[in-house]
Protein backbone atom coordinates (compact mmCIF):
# COMPACT_ATOMS: atom_id res chain seq x y z
CA MET A 1 17.46 8.05 37.55
CA ALA A 2 15.16 6.12 35.18
CA VAL A 3 11.49 6.08 36.08
CA PRO A 4 9.08 3.56 34.55
CA LYS A 5 6.42 5.13 32.36
CA LYS A 6 2.70 4.67 32.88
CA ARG A 7 1.12 1.72 31.16
CA THR A 8 -0.76 2.44 27.90
CA SER A 9 -4.42 1.47 28.10
CA ILE A 10 -5.66 -1.47 26.02
CA SER A 11 -8.15 0.72 24.13
CA LYS A 12 -5.45 3.22 23.14
CA LYS A 13 -3.21 0.37 22.03
CA ARG A 14 -6.05 -1.09 19.94
CA ILE A 15 -6.78 2.27 18.30
CA ARG A 16 -3.13 2.72 17.31
CA ARG A 17 -2.89 -0.82 15.95
CA ASN A 18 -6.07 -0.40 13.91
CA ILE A 19 -4.78 2.86 12.40
CA TRP A 20 -1.53 1.08 11.47
CA LYS A 21 -3.44 -1.84 9.89
CA LYS A 22 -5.81 0.47 7.99
CA ARG A 23 -2.90 2.42 6.50
CA GLY A 24 -1.42 -0.82 5.15
CA TYR A 25 -4.80 -1.98 3.86
CA LEU A 26 -5.38 1.27 1.95
CA ALA A 27 -1.86 1.10 0.45
CA ALA A 28 -2.55 -2.47 -0.71
CA ILE A 29 -5.85 -1.49 -2.33
CA LYS A 30 -4.17 1.43 -4.12
CA ALA A 31 -1.35 -0.80 -5.39
CA PHE A 32 -3.81 -3.45 -6.58
CA SER A 33 -5.90 -0.82 -8.37
CA LEU A 34 -2.81 0.52 -10.15
CA ALA A 35 -1.75 -3.00 -11.15
CA LYS A 36 -5.23 -3.69 -12.51
CA SER A 37 -5.28 -0.49 -14.58
CA VAL A 38 -1.79 -1.17 -15.96
CA SER A 39 -2.66 -4.75 -16.89
CA THR A 40 -5.82 -3.68 -18.73
CA LYS A 41 -3.93 -0.75 -20.36
CA HIS A 42 -6.37 1.86 -18.98
CA SER A 43 -3.84 3.65 -16.80
CA LYS A 44 -3.69 7.44 -17.21
CA SER A 45 -0.95 8.16 -14.68
CA PHE A 46 1.45 5.25 -15.15
CA PHE A 47 3.23 4.50 -18.42
CA VAL A 48 4.72 1.14 -19.35
CA GLN A 49 7.19 0.79 -22.19
CA GLN A 50 5.82 -1.74 -24.68
CA LYS A 51 8.16 -4.38 -26.10
CA ASN A 52 8.49 -4.58 -29.84
CA ASN A 53 7.27 -8.10 -30.80
CA LYS A 54 8.31 -7.75 -34.48
CA ALA A 55 11.99 -7.45 -33.53
CA LEU A 56 11.80 -10.73 -31.60
CA GLU A 57 10.40 -12.72 -34.51
């Protein structure tokens, strides 16, 4: 027979939500940092294939 579980406290719920939000925030900062380094061509760990502009002209 199914028994209802105990209710999770508000503080525990808040802690879990904040951990979840912080993980997303850190991933966004890392992605933005990588995008910035790629756009300024200072990236050491991410390589972008450059287009040949002379072939287009």
